[in-house]
Amino acid sequence: MIELPEENGSLTPYQPNREPRGFTADNTPFRSRSVLAAAPVLGDPLAPNEPFGPPLGPPPPQALDWEATLAVRQELWAHGFTVAEALDTAHRGAGLDWATAAELIRRTGAAAAAAGGRVAAGVWTDQLDPFTPHSREAVVAAYEEQLDVVNEAGAQPIIQASAALAGAVHSPEEYAEVYARLLDRCAVPAVVHWLLPEWVPGHAGYWGHQDPAAATDAFLAVLADNAGKVDGVKVAPLSADAEIALRRRLPEGIRFYTGDYDTYADLIAGDEQGFSDALSPVFTPIAPLAAEAFRALDGGDTEAFRKQLGQAHELSQHLFQGPGRSTLFFKTGLVFLGWLAGRTDHFRMVWAEHGARSVPHLATAYRLADQLGLFPDPELAAHRITAFLDLSGIPQKGSRR
């Protein structure tokens, strides 16, 4: 019996699972949907990874534990997911500099080739000083440098919106020219990724318009002009209704990749007019369970798909809880559960983000994941959560302080 802490300060006895659920790994890609699972990274526990850098200075580059980081990706490939690499889930722009992100893309691309897996990777402009204005050509050159790395790694490009680009170009025509140039350079059709100003204020005026409706029209025009070079789009944050409305306006053959963590099962299942594909970290902690759901969908059983993913709804809600529709610290729970599952030997994170969630939050994540049977070795998970609680000042019966 484990004494799990609650948010109200109480302790609740919990009896861990005794047997694993027995998921069967199948690395065959899903047929009915394209599913890109964003994966976190782990910091090197032997490196001097400062949380926010020395006083009055920029944060130093963060060193990764490459073996542990790639182990997370191997788990996703083993269940048929495409790994979405070098996005915010991998601390892109929040501890990971471009040089390390480039190495991450290269290593993941090589590992994917060896494992027969698929990978998509972020293309951005984070080589550039975010506090300095840049010319259009400088921004495009930054995009192209990253795009060349992604192409060489055998990854699908995910072209992310850039505040640097928003500061360098202003008309819809200029945006159209830049994106046509970038899409021409992609080795395979790309995903166009647009975070709205609600999440990134520096994206105000993107696509050449301050008005959201006009910006959306300009965005759709760029997609229509480059339809053969665009696999899909991700636009966030959007309500479920707004996502469906935009999805129905996309040019034929272009996917909408949902990043929703609340109603994602319904959005992916779709309706009589279409469905969403997925680009999200929500599948990373539930990969075996989610894979079974997508196999059911591949077989035409939409209700089984909904029911299977519905089991994980409470865990997903818990991991992604926070202000607004997202939180900066969802990655902590992802890495913590990966450690409990035995995929990694530690849960040290970039910028010390392993300390970004409370002990009760992580204890609840353990309980929900254990109840779903997500741990291949429940005894190991119970041992590790017990050790974590002891170290956190919540002694368990029989432990020595």
Protein backbone atom coordinates (compact mmCIF):
# COMPACT_ATOMS: atom_id res chain seq x y z
CA MET A 1 0.00 0.00 0.00
CA ILE A 2 1.28 3.45 -0.94
CA GLU A 3 0.26 6.69 0.81
CA LEU A 4 -0.35 9.13 -2.04
CA PRO A 5 -0.53 12.87 -1.29
CA GLU A 6 -3.57 14.83 -2.45
CA GLU A 7 -3.82 18.49 -3.46
CA ASN A 8 -5.66 19.26 -0.19
CA GLY A 9 -2.72 18.06 1.90
CA SER A 10 -4.18 14.70 2.88
CA LEU A 11 -2.79 11.22 2.25
CA THR A 12 -4.82 8.49 0.54
CA PRO A 13 -3.88 4.79 0.68
CA TYR A 14 -3.50 3.31 -2.78
CA GLN A 15 -3.04 -0.34 -3.76
CA PRO A 16 -0.93 -0.51 -6.95
CA ASN A 17 -1.73 -2.76 -9.86
CA ARG A 18 -0.12 -6.17 -9.67
CA GLU A 19 -0.21 -7.12 -13.34
CA PRO A 20 0.61 -5.14 -16.48
CA ARG A 21 -2.19 -4.70 -18.98
CA GLY A 22 -0.25 -6.51 -21.66
CA PHE A 23 -0.29 -4.15 -24.64
CA THR A 24 1.10 -5.61 -27.88
CA ALA A 25 3.62 -3.46 -29.73
CA ASP A 26 3.09 -3.02 -33.48
CA ASN A 27 5.33 -0.56 -35.33
CA THR A 28 3.17 -0.49 -38.46
CA PRO A 29 2.08 3.11 -39.15
CA PHE A 30 -1.63 3.78 -38.70
CA ARG A 31 -3.66 3.74 -41.92
CA SER A 32 -6.70 5.83 -41.08
CA ARG A 33 -4.98 8.86 -39.54
CA SER A 34 -1.59 10.54 -39.55
CA VAL A 35 -0.52 10.79 -35.90
CA LEU A 36 2.55 12.80 -34.91
CA ALA A 37 3.43 12.41 -31.24
CA ALA A 38 5.62 15.17 -29.83
CA ALA A 39 8.32 13.80 -27.53
CA PRO A 40 10.16 15.42 -24.59
CA VAL A 41 13.90 15.42 -23.98
CA LEU A 42 15.91 14.52 -20.87
CA GLY A 43 18.81 16.48 -19.46
CA ASP A 44 22.19 14.92 -18.77
CA PRO A 45 22.30 14.38 -14.97
CA LEU A 46 26.11 14.73 -15.04
CA ALA A 47 26.08 18.08 -16.85
CA PRO A 48 26.00 21.51 -15.15
CA ASN A 49 22.59 22.32 -16.60
CA GLU A 50 21.71 25.57 -14.82
CA PRO A 51 17.95 26.20 -14.52
CA PHE A 52 18.01 29.76 -15.89
CA GLY A 53 21.66 30.63 -16.31
CA PRO A 54 24.11 32.59 -14.16
CA PRO A 55 23.05 35.96 -12.70
CA LEU A 56 22.76 38.73 -15.28
CA GLY A 57 23.77 36.39 -18.09
CA PRO A 58 22.08 34.24 -20.73
CA PRO A 59 21.33 30.60 -19.86
CA PRO A 60 24.10 28.23 -20.93
CA PRO A 61 23.42 25.52 -23.52
CA GLN A 62 21.68 22.51 -22.03
CA ALA A 63 23.28 19.08 -22.39
CA LEU A 64 20.95 16.18 -23.15
CA ASP A 65 21.03 12.57 -22.07
CA TRP A 66 20.94 11.18 -25.58
CA GLU A 67 20.31 7.55 -24.63
CA ALA A 68 17.31 8.41 -22.45
CA THR A 69 15.99 10.95 -24.95
CA LEU A 70 16.07 8.46 -27.80
CA ALA A 71 14.50 5.73 -25.63
CA VAL A 72 11.34 7.85 -25.42
CA ARG A 73 11.24 7.99 -29.21
CA GLN A 74 11.84 4.25 -29.60
CA GLU A 75 8.71 3.61 -27.53
CA LEU A 76 6.63 5.76 -29.87
CA TRP A 77 7.99 4.08 -33.01
CA ALA A 78 7.36 0.66 -31.46
CA HIS A 79 3.64 1.48 -31.40
CA GLY A 80 3.38 3.02 -34.88
CA PHE A 81 3.55 6.74 -34.10
CA THR A 82 5.50 9.33 -36.05
CA VAL A 83 7.78 11.28 -33.72
CA ALA A 84 7.28 15.06 -33.87
CA GLU A 85 10.76 16.34 -33.03
CA ALA A 86 12.33 19.63 -31.93
CA LEU A 87 9.09 21.39 -31.00
CA ASP A 88 8.18 23.07 -27.72
CA THR A 89 7.70 19.63 -26.15
CA ALA A 90 11.45 19.16 -26.65
CA HIS A 91 12.12 22.52 -24.92
CA ARG A 92 12.62 24.27 -28.25
CA GLY A 93 13.09 27.93 -27.42
CA ALA A 94 12.96 27.13 -23.70
CA GLY A 95 16.39 25.73 -22.92
CA LEU A 96 17.31 24.05 -26.19
CA ASP A 97 19.43 26.21 -28.49
CA TRP A 98 19.51 25.66 -32.25
CA ALA A 99 22.82 23.78 -32.21
CA THR A 100 21.42 21.21 -29.76
CA ALA A 101 18.09 21.08 -31.60
CA ALA A 102 19.94 20.38 -34.86
CA GLU A 103 21.85 17.54 -33.21
CA LEU A 104 18.58 16.20 -31.80
CA ILE A 105 17.03 16.20 -35.28
CA ARG A 106 20.05 14.43 -36.77
CA ARG A 107 20.18 11.77 -34.06
CA THR A 108 16.44 11.18 -34.16
CA GLY A 109 16.51 10.92 -37.93
CA ALA A 110 19.28 8.31 -37.79
CA ALA A 111 17.47 6.36 -35.07
CA ALA A 112 14.24 6.47 -37.06
CA ALA A 113 15.98 5.07 -40.13
CA ALA A 114 17.44 2.22 -38.05
CA ALA A 115 14.10 1.44 -36.39
CA GLY A 116 11.96 1.80 -39.50
CA GLY A 117 10.17 4.71 -37.86
CA ARG A 118 9.01 8.09 -39.08
CA VAL A 119 9.96 11.54 -37.87
CA ALA A 120 8.81 15.11 -38.50
CA ALA A 121 10.83 18.05 -37.18
CA GLY A 122 10.37 21.71 -36.44
CA VAL A 123 11.80 24.37 -38.76
CA TRP A 124 12.03 27.75 -37.07
CA THR A 125 14.26 30.81 -36.74
CA ASP A 126 15.66 30.46 -33.22
CA GLN A 127 19.26 31.06 -34.35
CA LEU A 128 18.28 34.74 -34.46
CA ASP A 129 18.37 37.10 -31.48
CA PRO A 130 14.69 37.47 -30.48
CA PHE A 131 15.27 41.01 -29.21
CA THR A 132 16.81 42.38 -32.43
CA PRO A 133 14.96 43.23 -35.67
CA HIS A 134 16.04 41.18 -38.68
CA SER A 135 15.72 41.61 -42.42
CA ARG A 136 13.47 39.42 -44.50
CA GLU A 137 16.48 37.73 -46.10
CA ALA A 138 18.07 37.01 -42.71
CA VAL A 139 14.87 35.37 -41.48
CA VAL A 140 14.46 33.31 -44.64
CA ALA A 141 18.12 32.25 -44.44
CA ALA A 142 17.55 31.05 -40.86
CA TYR A 143 14.53 29.03 -41.97
CA GLU A 144 16.48 27.57 -44.89
CA GLU A 145 19.44 26.57 -42.72
CA GLN A 146 17.11 24.59 -40.47
CA LEU A 147 15.13 23.19 -43.37
CA ASP A 148 18.32 21.77 -44.87
CA VAL A 149 19.08 19.96 -41.58
CA VAL A 150 15.56 18.51 -41.46
CA ASN A 151 15.70 17.40 -45.11
CA GLU A 152 19.10 15.75 -44.61
CA ALA A 153 17.80 13.90 -41.55
CA GLY A 154 15.02 12.34 -43.62
CA ALA A 155 12.36 14.11 -41.56
CA GLN A 156 9.15 15.79 -42.63
CA PRO A 157 9.40 19.56 -42.10
CA ILE A 158 7.06 21.31 -39.68
CA ILE A 159 7.37 24.98 -40.66
CA GLN A 160 6.64 27.00 -37.53
CA ALA A 161 5.40 30.57 -37.48
CA SER A 162 8.12 33.03 -36.46
CA ALA A 163 7.89 36.31 -34.60
CA ALA A 164 11.08 37.29 -36.45
CA LEU A 165 9.24 36.87 -39.75
CA ALA A 166 6.29 38.87 -38.42
CA GLY A 167 8.72 41.70 -37.72
CA ALA A 168 10.35 41.52 -41.14
CA VAL A 169 7.40 41.23 -43.55
CA HIS A 170 4.02 42.89 -43.41
CA SER A 171 1.90 42.26 -46.49
CA PRO A 172 0.04 39.10 -47.51
CA GLU A 173 2.07 39.09 -50.73
CA GLU A 174 5.36 39.01 -48.81
CA TYR A 175 4.17 36.12 -46.65
CA ALA A 176 3.06 34.26 -49.76
CA GLU A 177 6.47 34.72 -51.37
CA VAL A 178 8.37 33.55 -48.26
CA TYR A 179 6.23 30.44 -47.72
CA ALA A 180 6.34 29.51 -51.41
CA ARG A 181 10.13 29.71 -51.25
CA LEU A 182 10.30 27.56 -48.11
CA LEU A 183 7.82 24.97 -49.36
CA ASP A 184 9.75 24.67 -52.63
CA ARG A 185 12.80 23.70 -50.58
CA CYS A 186 11.05 20.89 -48.66
CA ALA A 187 12.01 17.37 -49.69
CA VAL A 188 8.51 16.12 -48.82
CA PRO A 189 5.19 17.92 -48.24
CA ALA A 190 5.38 19.92 -45.03
CA VAL A 191 3.17 20.74 -42.08
CA VAL A 192 2.49 24.48 -41.74
CA HIS A 193 2.31 25.33 -38.03
CA TRP A 194 0.63 28.59 -36.94
CA LEU A 195 0.35 29.57 -33.28
CA LEU A 196 -2.09 32.44 -32.90
CA PRO A 197 -1.34 35.68 -31.01
CA GLU A 198 -3.34 34.40 -28.05
CA TRP A 199 -0.36 32.17 -27.31
CA VAL A 200 2.44 34.11 -29.02
CA PRO A 201 1.81 37.87 -29.01
CA GLY A 202 4.70 38.34 -31.45
CA HIS A 203 2.58 36.64 -34.10
CA ALA A 204 0.14 39.54 -34.24
CA GLY A 205 -0.31 40.57 -37.86
CA TYR A 206 0.79 37.20 -39.22
CA TRP A 207 -0.14 36.57 -42.85
CA GLY A 208 -0.27 40.35 -43.30
CA HIS A 209 -3.45 41.11 -41.34
CA GLN A 210 -4.29 42.10 -37.78
CA ASP A 211 -7.88 40.98 -38.26
CA PRO A 212 -8.17 37.22 -37.52
CA ALA A 213 -10.67 36.53 -40.30
CA ALA A 214 -8.55 38.32 -42.91
CA ALA A 215 -5.42 36.56 -41.67
CA THR A 216 -7.18 33.20 -41.99
CA ASP A 217 -8.22 34.02 -45.56
CA ALA A 218 -4.61 34.92 -46.46
CA PHE A 219 -3.38 31.72 -44.80
CA LEU A 220 -5.83 29.63 -46.82
CA ALA A 221 -4.73 31.38 -50.01
CA VAL A 222 -1.11 30.41 -49.33
CA LEU A 223 -2.20 26.80 -48.81
CA ALA A 224 -4.21 26.78 -52.02
CA ASP A 225 -1.28 28.19 -54.01
CA ASN A 226 1.04 25.48 -52.62
CA ALA A 227 -1.40 22.61 -52.14
CA GLY A 228 0.86 19.91 -53.54
CA LYS A 229 3.65 20.88 -51.14
CA VAL A 230 1.57 21.00 -47.94
CA ASP A 231 0.69 17.79 -46.11
CA GLY A 232 -1.30 19.53 -43.40
CA VAL A 233 -1.62 22.41 -40.98
CA LYS A 234 -1.70 22.91 -37.24
CA VAL A 235 -3.39 26.07 -35.95
CA ALA A 236 -3.76 26.77 -32.23
CA PRO A 237 -5.37 27.70 -29.96
CA LEU A 238 -8.78 26.95 -31.43
CA SER A 239 -11.99 25.73 -29.85
CA ALA A 240 -13.33 22.44 -31.16
CA ASP A 241 -15.99 24.28 -33.18
CA ALA A 242 -13.44 26.69 -34.65
CA GLU A 243 -11.16 23.81 -35.57
CA ILE A 244 -13.96 22.01 -37.37
CA ALA A 245 -14.93 25.18 -39.22
CA LEU A 246 -11.36 25.81 -40.39
CA ARG A 247 -10.83 22.14 -41.21
CA ARG A 248 -13.78 22.26 -43.60
CA ARG A 249 -12.25 25.24 -45.44
CA LEU A 250 -8.88 23.62 -46.16
CA PRO A 251 -7.98 22.88 -49.77
CA GLU A 252 -8.65 19.29 -50.76
CA GLY A 253 -5.93 16.88 -49.65
CA ILE A 254 -4.57 19.06 -46.82
CA ARG A 255 -4.92 17.62 -43.33
CA PHE A 256 -5.78 19.46 -40.15
CA TYR A 257 -3.50 18.30 -37.33
CA THR A 258 -5.26 18.80 -34.02
CA GLY A 259 -3.27 19.60 -30.91
CA ASP A 260 -6.34 19.48 -28.66
CA TYR A 261 -5.98 17.54 -25.40
CA ASP A 262 -9.61 17.71 -24.30
CA THR A 263 -11.98 16.73 -27.14
CA TYR A 264 -9.28 15.16 -29.31
CA ALA A 265 -11.06 11.79 -29.57
CA ASP A 266 -14.13 13.42 -31.10
CA LEU A 267 -12.09 15.64 -33.42
CA ILE A 268 -10.04 12.70 -34.69
CA ALA A 269 -13.06 10.41 -35.04
CA GLY A 270 -14.64 13.16 -37.12
CA ASP A 271 -18.08 13.57 -38.64
CA GLU A 272 -19.80 13.14 -41.98
CA GLN A 273 -17.76 16.02 -43.44
CA GLY A 274 -14.30 14.99 -42.35
CA PHE A 275 -11.91 14.45 -39.46
CA SER A 276 -8.72 15.76 -37.88
CA ASP A 277 -5.36 14.06 -37.83
CA ALA A 278 -3.11 14.75 -34.83
CA LEU A 279 0.12 16.48 -33.88
CA SER A 280 0.30 16.48 -30.10
CA PRO A 281 2.26 15.38 -27.02
CA VAL A 282 -0.96 13.95 -25.56
CA PHE A 283 -0.20 10.50 -27.02
CA THR A 284 3.31 10.19 -25.62
CA PRO A 285 2.39 9.07 -22.07
CA ILE A 286 -0.45 6.83 -23.31
CA ALA A 287 1.22 5.45 -26.44
CA PRO A 288 0.32 1.73 -25.99
CA LEU A 289 -3.31 2.49 -25.16
CA ALA A 290 -3.68 5.13 -27.88
CA ALA A 291 -2.12 2.79 -30.45
CA GLU A 292 -4.81 0.19 -29.75
CA ALA A 293 -7.42 2.89 -30.27
CA PHE A 294 -5.96 3.87 -33.64
CA ARG A 295 -5.81 0.20 -34.69
CA ALA A 296 -9.53 -0.02 -33.95
CA LEU A 297 -10.10 3.08 -36.06
CA ASP A 298 -8.04 1.52 -38.85
CA GLY A 299 -10.48 -1.40 -38.70
CA GLY A 300 -13.47 0.91 -39.02
CA ASP A 301 -14.60 0.66 -35.38
CA THR A 302 -15.07 4.31 -34.46
CA GLU A 303 -16.93 3.55 -31.23
CA ALA A 304 -14.12 1.32 -29.98
CA PHE A 305 -11.68 4.12 -30.81
CA ARG A 306 -13.68 6.63 -28.78
CA LYS A 307 -14.09 4.25 -25.87
CA GLN A 308 -10.40 3.33 -25.78
CA LEU A 309 -9.15 6.92 -25.86
CA GLY A 310 -11.89 7.94 -23.45
CA GLN A 311 -10.21 5.85 -20.77
CA ALA A 312 -7.22 8.21 -20.85
CA HIS A 313 -9.21 11.44 -20.76
CA GLU A 314 -8.76 12.05 -17.02
CA LEU A 315 -5.00 11.47 -17.21
CA SER A 316 -4.67 13.78 -20.23
CA GLN A 317 -6.66 16.50 -18.47
CA HIS A 318 -4.48 16.15 -15.40
CA LEU A 319 -1.13 16.27 -17.21
CA PHE A 320 -2.11 19.34 -19.24
CA GLN A 321 -3.90 21.27 -16.52
CA GLY A 322 -2.93 24.89 -16.10
CA PRO A 323 -3.95 28.39 -17.13
CA GLY A 324 -5.69 28.64 -20.47
CA ARG A 325 -5.81 25.68 -22.84
CA SER A 326 -2.21 24.75 -22.30
CA THR A 327 0.50 24.89 -19.68
CA LEU A 328 4.21 25.34 -19.84
CA PHE A 329 4.84 22.41 -17.55
CA PHE A 330 3.01 19.46 -19.11
CA LYS A 331 6.41 18.04 -20.04
CA THR A 332 7.22 17.31 -16.39
CA GLY A 333 4.46 14.72 -16.14
CA LEU A 334 5.44 13.14 -19.46
CA VAL A 335 9.04 12.65 -18.37
CA PHE A 336 8.04 11.51 -14.87
CA LEU A 337 5.72 8.81 -16.20
CA GLY A 338 8.39 7.66 -18.65
CA TRP A 339 10.76 7.16 -15.69
CA LEU A 340 8.13 5.27 -13.70
CA ALA A 341 7.51 3.06 -16.74
CA GLY A 342 11.20 2.11 -16.86
CA ARG A 343 11.95 3.70 -20.20
CA THR A 344 14.58 5.94 -18.61
CA ASP A 345 16.77 5.70 -15.51
CA HIS A 346 16.03 9.23 -14.26
CA PHE A 347 13.78 12.21 -14.87
CA ARG A 348 16.23 15.10 -14.92
CA MET A 349 14.99 17.77 -17.28
CA VAL A 350 16.25 20.78 -19.18
CA TRP A 351 16.11 23.98 -17.08
CA ALA A 352 15.39 21.78 -14.03
CA GLU A 353 11.78 21.45 -15.11
CA HIS A 354 11.50 18.16 -13.20
CA GLY A 355 10.69 20.43 -10.25
CA ALA A 356 7.98 22.37 -12.07
CA ARG A 357 5.07 20.22 -10.85
CA SER A 358 4.02 19.56 -7.27
CA VAL A 359 4.47 16.22 -5.54
CA PRO A 360 0.67 15.70 -5.31
CA HIS A 361 0.35 16.42 -9.05
CA LEU A 362 2.93 13.78 -9.95
CA ALA A 363 1.50 11.29 -7.45
CA THR A 364 -1.91 11.66 -9.08
CA ALA A 365 -0.35 11.16 -12.51
CA TYR A 366 1.15 7.91 -11.20
CA ARG A 367 -2.19 6.69 -9.85
CA LEU A 368 -4.10 7.47 -13.06
CA ALA A 369 -1.47 5.83 -15.26
CA ASP A 370 -1.29 2.79 -12.99
CA GLN A 371 -5.07 2.37 -13.07
CA LEU A 372 -4.88 2.37 -16.87
CA GLY A 373 -2.25 -0.38 -16.79
CA LEU A 374 0.29 1.78 -18.62
CA PHE A 375 3.32 0.54 -16.69
CA PRO A 376 4.99 -2.54 -18.23
CA ASP A 377 6.42 -3.37 -14.81
CA PRO A 378 3.97 -2.22 -12.09
CA GLU A 379 6.32 -3.31 -9.31
CA LEU A 380 9.10 -1.12 -10.68
CA ALA A 381 6.69 1.82 -10.98
CA ALA A 382 5.52 1.28 -7.38
CA HIS A 383 9.12 1.08 -6.18
CA ARG A 384 10.07 4.30 -7.97
CA ILE A 385 7.03 6.31 -6.82
CA THR A 386 7.70 5.16 -3.27
CA ALA A 387 11.34 6.25 -3.50
CA PHE A 388 10.23 9.58 -4.99
CA LEU A 389 7.76 10.18 -2.18
CA ASP A 390 10.33 9.27 0.48
CA LEU A 391 12.80 11.71 -1.05
CA SER A 392 10.09 14.37 -1.22
CA GLY A 393 9.43 14.21 2.51
CA ILE A 394 6.43 11.86 2.44
CA PRO A 395 7.77 8.70 4.15
CA GLN A 396 6.15 5.40 3.29
CA LYS A 397 5.61 2.50 5.64
CA GLY A 398 8.79 0.51 6.15
CA SER A 399 11.04 3.20 4.70
CA ARG A 400 14.09 4.54 6.56
CA ARG A 401 14.55 8.28 6.81
